[in-house]
Amino acid sequence: MRGPVAAGASAGLALGSVLVALVLQHRFDMQPCAWCVLQRLAALAVVPFGLAGFLAGGRSVRVTCALAALALSGAGLWAAAYQHLVAARTDACGLSLAERLIMALNLHERAPALFMPTARCDEANAPLLGVPFALWGAGLFVLTGLLSGLAAAAAWRERPAGPPLDR
């Protein structure tokens, strides 16, 4: 898979995952917890970097965008793992790092349909097709991370633009 295509696929996958989460929330009443909302934020942050990596012409821009998307995918993977391994095993996750970040960025008031946590973490990690919801998020971030890594590697291997150097 070529680098720009991998970057674009990463952006599309991340955006698609947020759209699926919104449908599950607003049509099927699968309410998000604070860690779910933080994963949405990470996925949405991957999108512009993936798109820029897909559309950019310069090697350095593509490498930088792919590495940023890779880092954001890592952050999303960490949030999903924390939700599954720690937060979902308690009866509440109030005033966790996720909630403090959401409140500090005022996301819950700016876009409540997208960023308002309305469930506890143990409730939000309900199984979907037999798999805990946080693990779906983890799988998403593994895929976006792999695609971003492929995009970074492909861009890195490109020859820089400009005249060849004579030795």
Foldseek 3Di string as FASTA:
>chain_A
DAQLVLLQVLLVLLVVVLVVVLCCCPVVVLFAALLVLLLNVLSNVSNVLSNCLNPPDFLVSVLVSLVVSLVSLVVSLVSLCCLVPPQLVDQAQPPHPSVVVCVVVVVCVVPVSRRPGDDGSVSNQDDDVHHGPSVVSNVSSVSSNVSSVNSNVNSVPDDGDDDDDDD
